[in-house]
Amino acid sequence: MLQGIHLSLMIGPAVPVPAPKSVVDALLSVQVTSGKDKSGFQLSFAMSKHSVLQTTLLPAGYFDPITTRVILIVTLGGFPNVIMDGVVTRQEMTPSSEPGQSTLTITGEDLSVLMDVVELKRPFPAMDDMLQVLAVLAPYAALGVTPIVLPSLFLDFSPPTEKIESQTTTDLRHIQKLAERNGYVFYVEPGPLPGQSIAYFGPDIRIPVPQPALSVNMDAHTNVESLSFSLDGMAKEVLVVTVMDPITGKIPIPIPIPNVSVFQPPLGARPTFPAKIRFSDEWADLKVPSLLKRVVGRLLKGAANAITASGSLDVLRYGRVLRSRMLVGVRGAGLAYDGLYYVDSVTHSIKRGEYKQSFQLSRDGLISNTPRVPV
């Protein structure tokens, strides 16, 4: 690895352990993608006819899907960063007639993929959304998954004598259904320690402490290899829902719901105005508590950001590992596009002697509303 950067690979069935020297020496490249809802990884290994991977590990099930867990840790400047904790879902073997050109590629996802394997049917009597999520996530504590579940802003559940909510799908799909109707997000984040993960169910809140700025067109201070911006004028819309008046239940009342997020304020001083108006009558038959939950959920849900940015950087030059679901500053792009952005996704690409990241950023509004960004 590069000087100052060390990659640690832990792998194994059920309980991952440090990979043996033969596996580490055969490792060609690592790619990890951390997105809004799910993360994934891909490892490529060099193989030969007489390598241990070919003769022993692969036949013995060392890389088998679902049962093999993988943990990737990048240590930069003495500080460990757990960039992936997941399980293998696919393996691909590519033989070659050229010596040393055969490869084994294993692909996997974060631990949430284990929540999408078995479909269950079970009732949740007298349990609101928060209690349902906690009940579903309880068995995954054996994998080191710690739940962080925030309650709904409006308590809305029926007594068992009136209605019993139930699960008819996989654990992951049931949690995603509950998150959708509350305007929440659900994801599994690796770390902070190896073998630990956090399952978050709540509003899409980005960590407010910004990461060091991405600098472009600043001569010696430039720390990104590429950076481009895009403003989509059709990205935002106003949703108009029709509800019946609570007294007679016969008079339709249109209610516009703006495209804003309570927990993700626009980071630009000149927000982009919505260009589309969409009408929906899906909520007309809902009772007041359910209606309030849907409306607030819409306001809690991440707004469509009209400005997006994409680019790549060299980690050694940047000085730290860029993390998704956080804020980052941008400078050197000009008055319109400088400022803070939300980091939507990050892809880690690691090879011997090289560690690069590609990223996707977003925000709403031109011109920064902060005078400076952290460097």
Protein backbone atom coordinates (compact mmCIF):
# COMPACT_ATOMS: atom_id res chain seq x y z
CA MET A 1 0.00 0.00 0.00
CA LEU A 2 0.95 3.65 -0.13
CA GLN A 3 3.14 5.11 2.59
CA GLY A 4 0.87 6.17 5.46
CA ILE A 5 -2.07 4.07 4.18
CA HIS A 6 -2.63 0.46 5.26
CA LEU A 7 -5.44 -1.86 4.12
CA SER A 8 -6.59 -4.66 6.43
CA LEU A 9 -8.74 -7.52 5.13
CA MET A 10 -10.73 -9.74 7.47
CA ILE A 11 -12.63 -12.60 5.92
CA GLY A 12 -14.15 -15.90 6.90
CA PRO A 13 -17.34 -17.87 7.42
CA ALA A 14 -19.52 -16.45 10.21
CA VAL A 15 -16.67 -14.79 12.17
CA PRO A 16 -14.15 -12.93 9.97
CA VAL A 17 -10.46 -13.19 10.88
CA PRO A 18 -7.39 -11.54 9.37
CA ALA A 19 -6.83 -12.95 5.88
CA PRO A 20 -3.84 -15.29 5.48
CA LYS A 21 -0.74 -14.08 3.63
CA SER A 22 -1.59 -16.10 0.52
CA VAL A 23 -4.92 -14.28 0.18
CA VAL A 24 -3.45 -10.83 0.81
CA ASP A 25 -0.63 -11.41 -1.69
CA ALA A 26 -3.15 -12.48 -4.35
CA LEU A 27 -5.35 -9.40 -3.85
CA LEU A 28 -5.29 -7.21 -6.98
CA SER A 29 -7.88 -4.52 -6.33
CA VAL A 30 -10.63 -3.44 -3.96
CA GLN A 31 -13.71 -1.41 -4.81
CA VAL A 32 -16.22 -0.27 -2.19
CA THR A 33 -19.29 1.84 -2.94
CA SER A 34 -21.10 3.58 -0.10
CA GLY A 35 -24.47 5.03 -1.16
CA LYS A 36 -27.59 6.46 0.39
CA ASP A 37 -29.41 3.20 1.12
CA LYS A 38 -26.94 0.38 0.53
CA SER A 39 -23.22 -0.28 0.23
CA GLY A 40 -21.34 -2.89 -1.77
CA PHE A 41 -17.84 -4.19 -2.43
CA GLN A 42 -15.82 -6.12 -5.01
CA LEU A 43 -12.48 -7.86 -4.48
CA SER A 44 -10.30 -9.19 -7.31
CA PHE A 45 -7.64 -11.87 -6.76
CA ALA A 46 -4.94 -13.23 -9.05
CA MET A 47 -4.95 -17.00 -9.42
CA SER A 48 -2.74 -19.67 -10.89
CA LYS A 49 -3.10 -23.43 -11.32
CA HIS A 50 -1.14 -24.16 -8.17
CA SER A 51 -2.17 -21.24 -5.95
CA VAL A 52 -3.74 -21.92 -2.56
CA LEU A 53 -6.88 -20.09 -3.66
CA GLN A 54 -7.34 -22.50 -6.56
CA THR A 55 -6.39 -25.77 -4.87
CA THR A 56 -7.65 -25.32 -1.31
CA LEU A 57 -9.61 -22.20 -0.36
CA LEU A 58 -12.09 -22.05 -3.24
CA PRO A 59 -13.07 -25.74 -3.11
CA ALA A 60 -13.32 -25.58 0.71
CA GLY A 61 -15.90 -22.77 0.55
CA TYR A 62 -13.68 -19.95 1.79
CA PHE A 63 -15.38 -17.48 -0.59
CA ASP A 64 -18.89 -18.97 -0.58
CA PRO A 65 -21.80 -16.50 -0.90
CA ILE A 66 -23.93 -15.55 2.13
CA THR A 67 -21.81 -17.50 4.62
CA THR A 68 -18.59 -15.51 4.02
CA ARG A 69 -18.27 -12.19 5.84
CA VAL A 70 -15.79 -9.51 4.75
CA ILE A 71 -14.48 -6.54 6.73
CA LEU A 72 -12.25 -3.91 5.11
CA ILE A 73 -10.32 -1.41 7.23
CA VAL A 74 -8.23 1.46 5.89
CA THR A 75 -5.75 2.96 8.33
CA LEU A 76 -4.73 6.49 7.34
CA GLY A 77 -2.40 8.49 9.56
CA GLY A 78 -2.79 5.95 12.34
CA PHE A 79 -6.61 6.27 12.38
CA PRO A 80 -8.60 3.16 11.30
CA ASN A 81 -11.61 3.62 8.98
CA VAL A 82 -13.99 0.67 8.58
CA ILE A 83 -15.12 1.15 4.99
CA MET A 84 -17.05 -2.13 4.62
CA ASP A 85 -18.63 -4.87 6.73
CA GLY A 86 -20.69 -7.19 4.59
CA VAL A 87 -21.15 -10.64 3.12
CA VAL A 88 -20.25 -12.18 -0.21
CA THR A 89 -23.19 -12.55 -2.60
CA ARG A 90 -21.44 -13.60 -5.81
CA GLN A 91 -18.16 -15.05 -7.06
CA GLU A 92 -16.79 -15.10 -10.59
CA MET A 93 -13.86 -17.17 -11.86
CA THR A 94 -12.12 -16.10 -15.09
CA PRO A 95 -9.53 -18.64 -16.27
CA SER A 96 -6.86 -17.52 -18.74
CA SER A 97 -4.37 -19.29 -20.98
CA GLU A 98 -1.80 -16.60 -20.15
CA PRO A 99 0.31 -17.36 -17.05
CA GLY A 100 -0.85 -15.42 -14.00
CA GLN A 101 -3.83 -13.83 -15.75
CA SER A 102 -6.61 -15.93 -14.17
CA THR A 103 -8.71 -13.96 -11.72
CA LEU A 104 -11.27 -14.59 -9.00
CA THR A 105 -13.74 -11.78 -8.28
CA ILE A 106 -16.03 -11.79 -5.27
CA THR A 107 -18.87 -9.30 -4.94
CA GLY A 108 -20.93 -8.52 -1.88
CA GLU A 109 -23.15 -6.08 -0.01
CA ASP A 110 -23.41 -4.71 3.51
CA LEU A 111 -25.12 -6.68 6.27
CA SER A 112 -28.56 -5.41 5.24
CA VAL A 113 -28.53 -8.05 2.48
CA LEU A 114 -29.02 -10.70 5.18
CA MET A 115 -32.27 -8.95 6.09
CA ASP A 116 -33.59 -9.53 2.57
CA VAL A 117 -33.21 -13.32 2.38
CA VAL A 118 -36.20 -14.88 4.17
CA GLU A 119 -39.83 -13.79 3.86
CA LEU A 120 -41.66 -13.89 7.17
CA LYS A 121 -45.26 -13.63 8.28
CA ARG A 122 -45.69 -12.37 11.81
CA PRO A 123 -48.02 -9.98 13.64
CA PHE A 124 -47.10 -6.86 15.61
CA PRO A 125 -50.03 -6.31 18.01
CA ALA A 126 -50.20 -2.87 19.65
CA MET A 127 -46.78 -1.89 18.28
CA ASP A 128 -46.01 1.39 16.57
CA ASP A 129 -43.41 1.73 13.81
CA MET A 130 -40.47 2.20 16.18
CA LEU A 131 -41.26 -0.95 18.18
CA GLN A 132 -41.74 -2.93 14.98
CA VAL A 133 -38.31 -1.91 13.71
CA LEU A 134 -36.67 -2.76 17.03
CA ALA A 135 -38.36 -6.18 17.04
CA VAL A 136 -37.22 -6.90 13.49
CA LEU A 137 -33.62 -5.83 14.15
CA ALA A 138 -33.22 -7.69 17.45
CA PRO A 139 -31.86 -10.98 15.98
CA TYR A 140 -29.13 -9.13 14.06
CA ALA A 141 -27.41 -8.10 17.28
CA ALA A 142 -25.59 -11.43 16.94
CA LEU A 143 -23.81 -9.92 13.91
CA GLY A 144 -22.75 -6.84 15.85
CA VAL A 145 -25.56 -4.65 14.47
CA THR A 146 -26.59 -1.91 16.89
CA PRO A 147 -29.97 -0.29 16.10
CA ILE A 148 -30.49 3.45 16.28
CA VAL A 149 -34.25 3.86 15.86
CA LEU A 150 -35.98 7.21 16.21
CA PRO A 151 -39.71 7.27 17.01
CA SER A 152 -42.34 8.69 14.69
CA LEU A 153 -43.33 12.29 15.34
CA PHE A 154 -47.00 11.28 15.45
CA LEU A 155 -48.08 8.17 17.36
CA ASP A 156 -50.34 6.19 15.05
CA PHE A 157 -51.19 2.58 15.82
CA SER A 158 -54.45 0.76 16.27
CA PRO A 159 -55.46 -1.31 19.33
CA PRO A 160 -55.39 -5.10 18.81
CA THR A 161 -59.18 -5.24 18.95
CA GLU A 162 -59.40 -2.96 15.90
CA LYS A 163 -56.40 -3.82 13.73
CA ILE A 164 -53.14 -5.77 14.00
CA GLU A 165 -50.26 -4.77 11.79
CA SER A 166 -48.27 -7.63 10.34
CA GLN A 167 -45.19 -8.39 8.27
CA THR A 168 -45.56 -10.39 5.07
CA THR A 169 -42.20 -9.70 3.40
CA THR A 170 -38.53 -9.86 4.30
CA ASP A 171 -37.22 -7.90 7.27
CA LEU A 172 -35.52 -5.34 5.01
CA ARG A 173 -38.59 -4.67 2.89
CA HIS A 174 -40.79 -4.33 5.96
CA ILE A 175 -38.43 -1.78 7.52
CA GLN A 176 -38.21 0.10 4.21
CA LYS A 177 -42.02 0.23 4.06
CA LEU A 178 -42.14 1.73 7.55
CA ALA A 179 -39.39 4.20 6.65
CA GLU A 180 -41.23 5.29 3.49
CA ARG A 181 -44.47 6.17 5.26
CA ASN A 182 -42.60 8.16 7.91
CA GLY A 183 -40.30 9.96 5.48
CA TYR A 184 -37.36 8.23 7.15
CA VAL A 185 -34.33 6.42 5.78
CA PHE A 186 -32.86 3.07 6.74
CA TYR A 187 -29.31 1.94 6.16
CA VAL A 188 -26.56 -0.12 7.79
CA GLU A 189 -23.30 1.75 8.35
CA PRO A 190 -20.09 -0.21 9.11
CA GLY A 191 -18.05 0.61 12.20
CA PRO A 192 -16.94 2.39 14.19
CA LEU A 193 -14.98 -0.72 15.23
CA PRO A 194 -14.35 -3.87 13.17
CA GLY A 195 -17.22 -6.32 13.57
CA GLN A 196 -19.66 -3.57 14.55
CA SER A 197 -22.32 -1.88 12.43
CA ILE A 198 -25.05 0.69 13.05
CA ALA A 199 -28.58 0.17 11.68
CA TYR A 200 -30.11 3.64 11.44
CA PHE A 201 -33.87 4.25 11.13
CA GLY A 202 -34.84 7.90 11.24
CA PRO A 203 -34.83 11.22 9.36
CA ASP A 204 -32.16 11.72 6.71
CA ILE A 205 -29.85 13.80 8.90
CA ARG A 206 -26.34 14.47 7.64
CA ILE A 207 -23.57 14.85 10.22
CA PRO A 208 -23.25 18.65 10.50
CA VAL A 209 -19.45 18.73 10.96
CA PRO A 210 -18.06 19.33 7.44
CA GLN A 211 -15.13 17.36 6.09
CA PRO A 212 -12.08 19.22 4.75
CA ALA A 213 -12.80 21.14 1.57
CA LEU A 214 -12.42 19.72 -1.92
CA SER A 215 -10.23 22.28 -3.69
CA VAL A 216 -10.15 22.71 -7.47
CA ASN A 217 -8.32 25.19 -9.70
CA MET A 218 -6.19 26.37 -6.78
CA ASP A 219 -2.67 25.47 -8.00
CA ALA A 220 -0.71 23.81 -5.18
CA HIS A 221 -3.81 23.66 -2.94
CA THR A 222 -5.79 21.58 -5.47
CA ASN A 223 -6.62 18.17 -3.95
CA VAL A 224 -9.11 16.72 -6.47
CA GLU A 225 -8.37 15.21 -9.86
CA SER A 226 -11.69 16.19 -11.45
CA LEU A 227 -14.88 17.97 -10.42
CA SER A 228 -17.95 18.91 -12.48
CA PHE A 229 -21.32 20.47 -11.60
CA SER A 230 -24.83 20.19 -13.02
CA LEU A 231 -27.99 22.23 -12.36
CA ASP A 232 -31.24 20.43 -13.23
CA GLY A 233 -34.12 22.88 -13.47
CA MET A 234 -36.69 20.04 -13.54
CA ALA A 235 -35.50 18.27 -10.40
CA LYS A 236 -37.87 19.93 -7.93
CA GLU A 237 -41.65 19.71 -7.74
CA VAL A 238 -44.53 20.79 -5.51
CA LEU A 239 -46.88 17.97 -4.50
CA VAL A 240 -50.55 18.93 -4.06
CA VAL A 241 -52.61 16.40 -2.10
CA THR A 242 -56.39 16.42 -1.82
CA VAL A 243 -58.00 15.65 1.53
CA MET A 244 -61.60 15.79 2.66
CA ASP A 245 -62.62 18.31 5.28
CA PRO A 246 -62.74 16.75 8.77
CA ILE A 247 -66.31 17.97 9.52
CA THR A 248 -68.45 16.79 6.60
CA GLY A 249 -65.94 14.56 4.89
CA LYS A 250 -67.26 15.65 1.50
CA ILE A 251 -65.46 18.89 0.64
CA PRO A 252 -62.07 18.35 -1.02
CA ILE A 253 -59.29 20.61 0.25
CA PRO A 254 -56.05 20.89 -1.78
CA ILE A 255 -52.89 21.12 0.33
CA PRO A 256 -49.57 21.98 -1.36
CA ILE A 257 -46.50 20.32 0.16
CA PRO A 258 -43.30 22.15 -0.74
CA ASN A 259 -40.16 20.36 -1.85
CA VAL A 260 -38.12 21.13 1.26
CA SER A 261 -36.52 19.02 3.95
CA VAL A 262 -36.65 19.94 7.62
CA PHE A 263 -33.29 18.28 8.34
CA GLN A 264 -31.57 19.16 5.06
CA PRO A 265 -31.83 22.92 4.60
CA PRO A 266 -30.66 24.36 1.27
CA LEU A 267 -26.96 25.08 1.34
CA GLY A 268 -27.21 27.79 -1.30
CA ALA A 269 -28.27 31.41 -0.82
CA ARG A 270 -30.33 31.37 -4.04
CA PRO A 271 -32.52 28.23 -3.99
CA THR A 272 -33.79 26.69 -7.20
CA PHE A 273 -37.53 27.17 -7.69
CA PRO A 274 -39.64 24.06 -8.41
CA ALA A 275 -40.68 23.80 -12.06
CA LYS A 276 -43.30 21.05 -11.72
CA ILE A 277 -46.60 20.70 -9.86
CA ARG A 278 -47.98 17.20 -9.27
CA PHE A 279 -51.44 16.35 -7.92
CA SER A 280 -52.13 13.28 -5.83
CA ASP A 281 -55.33 12.02 -4.18
CA GLU A 282 -53.77 8.96 -2.54
CA TRP A 283 -54.16 10.44 0.93
CA ALA A 284 -57.81 11.45 0.69
CA ASP A 285 -59.12 8.55 2.79
CA LEU A 286 -56.53 8.75 5.56
CA LYS A 287 -57.42 9.64 9.13
CA VAL A 288 -55.92 12.75 10.71
CA PRO A 289 -52.99 11.02 12.55
CA SER A 290 -52.03 9.06 9.44
CA LEU A 291 -52.38 12.15 7.27
CA LEU A 292 -50.17 14.20 9.59
CA LYS A 293 -47.55 11.41 9.56
CA ARG A 294 -47.49 11.35 5.73
CA VAL A 295 -47.27 15.14 5.43
CA VAL A 296 -44.51 15.43 8.01
CA GLY A 297 -42.80 12.44 6.46
CA ARG A 298 -42.77 14.25 3.13
CA LEU A 299 -41.15 17.26 4.82
CA LEU A 300 -38.63 15.04 6.58
CA LYS A 301 -37.72 13.17 3.44
CA GLY A 302 -34.66 14.40 1.62
CA ALA A 303 -35.62 17.10 -0.85
CA ALA A 304 -34.65 16.80 -4.49
CA ASN A 305 -31.44 18.79 -4.81
CA ALA A 306 -31.21 20.55 -8.15
CA ILE A 307 -27.41 20.86 -8.10
CA THR A 308 -25.26 17.75 -8.31
CA ALA A 309 -21.50 17.40 -8.53
CA SER A 310 -19.27 14.46 -9.36
CA GLY A 311 -15.53 14.03 -9.28
CA SER A 312 -12.54 12.00 -8.14
CA LEU A 313 -9.61 12.47 -5.80
CA ASP A 314 -6.40 10.85 -4.61
CA VAL A 315 -6.76 10.01 -0.91
CA LEU A 316 -3.09 10.59 -0.12
CA ARG A 317 -3.26 14.11 -1.53
CA TYR A 318 -6.63 14.83 0.09
CA GLY A 319 -5.23 13.70 3.44
CA ARG A 320 -8.18 11.66 4.72
CA VAL A 321 -10.91 9.26 3.66
CA LEU A 322 -13.97 11.06 2.27
CA ARG A 323 -17.13 9.61 3.86
CA SER A 324 -20.67 9.54 2.53
CA ARG A 325 -23.77 10.80 4.41
CA MET A 326 -21.79 13.81 5.64
CA LEU A 327 -21.07 17.38 4.55
CA VAL A 328 -18.03 18.56 2.63
CA GLY A 329 -16.86 21.97 1.47
CA VAL A 330 -15.95 22.95 -2.10
CA ARG A 331 -13.72 25.86 -3.01
CA GLY A 332 -12.17 27.14 -6.22
CA ALA A 333 -15.26 26.45 -8.36
CA GLY A 334 -16.41 30.07 -8.44
CA LEU A 335 -19.01 32.19 -6.68
CA ALA A 336 -21.98 30.16 -7.91
CA TYR A 337 -20.83 26.67 -6.90
CA ASP A 338 -18.47 27.15 -3.94
CA GLY A 339 -19.74 26.21 -0.47
CA LEU A 340 -21.01 23.17 1.42
CA TYR A 341 -22.49 20.04 -0.19
CA TYR A 342 -24.07 16.79 0.94
CA VAL A 343 -21.97 13.72 0.12
CA ASP A 344 -24.46 11.27 -1.43
CA SER A 345 -22.13 8.42 -2.41
CA VAL A 346 -18.45 7.53 -2.42
CA THR A 347 -16.63 4.78 -4.31
CA HIS A 348 -13.26 3.58 -2.97
CA SER A 349 -10.85 2.16 -5.57
CA ILE A 350 -7.76 0.58 -4.01
CA LYS A 351 -4.83 -1.04 -5.80
CA ARG A 352 -1.22 -1.56 -4.83
CA GLY A 353 0.35 1.90 -4.70
CA GLU A 354 -2.97 3.66 -5.42
CA TYR A 355 -6.00 4.74 -3.41
CA LYS A 356 -8.57 6.89 -5.20
CA GLN A 357 -12.16 7.86 -4.56
CA SER A 358 -14.96 8.98 -6.84
CA PHE A 359 -17.87 10.85 -5.28
CA GLN A 360 -21.33 12.31 -5.86
CA LEU A 361 -22.38 15.54 -4.13
CA SER A 362 -25.64 17.50 -4.08
CA ARG A 363 -27.27 20.62 -2.70
CA ASP A 364 -30.02 23.08 -3.57
CA GLY A 365 -29.22 26.65 -4.53
CA LEU A 366 -26.43 28.67 -6.06
CA ILE A 367 -24.02 30.89 -4.11
CA SER A 368 -22.74 29.65 -0.77
CA ASN A 369 -24.62 30.76 2.36
CA THR A 370 -21.45 30.37 4.44
CA PRO A 371 -18.55 32.82 4.13
CA ARG A 372 -15.87 30.09 4.36
CA VAL A 373 -15.56 26.31 4.31
CA PRO A 374 -13.22 24.21 6.49
CA VAL A 375 -9.89 23.44 4.81
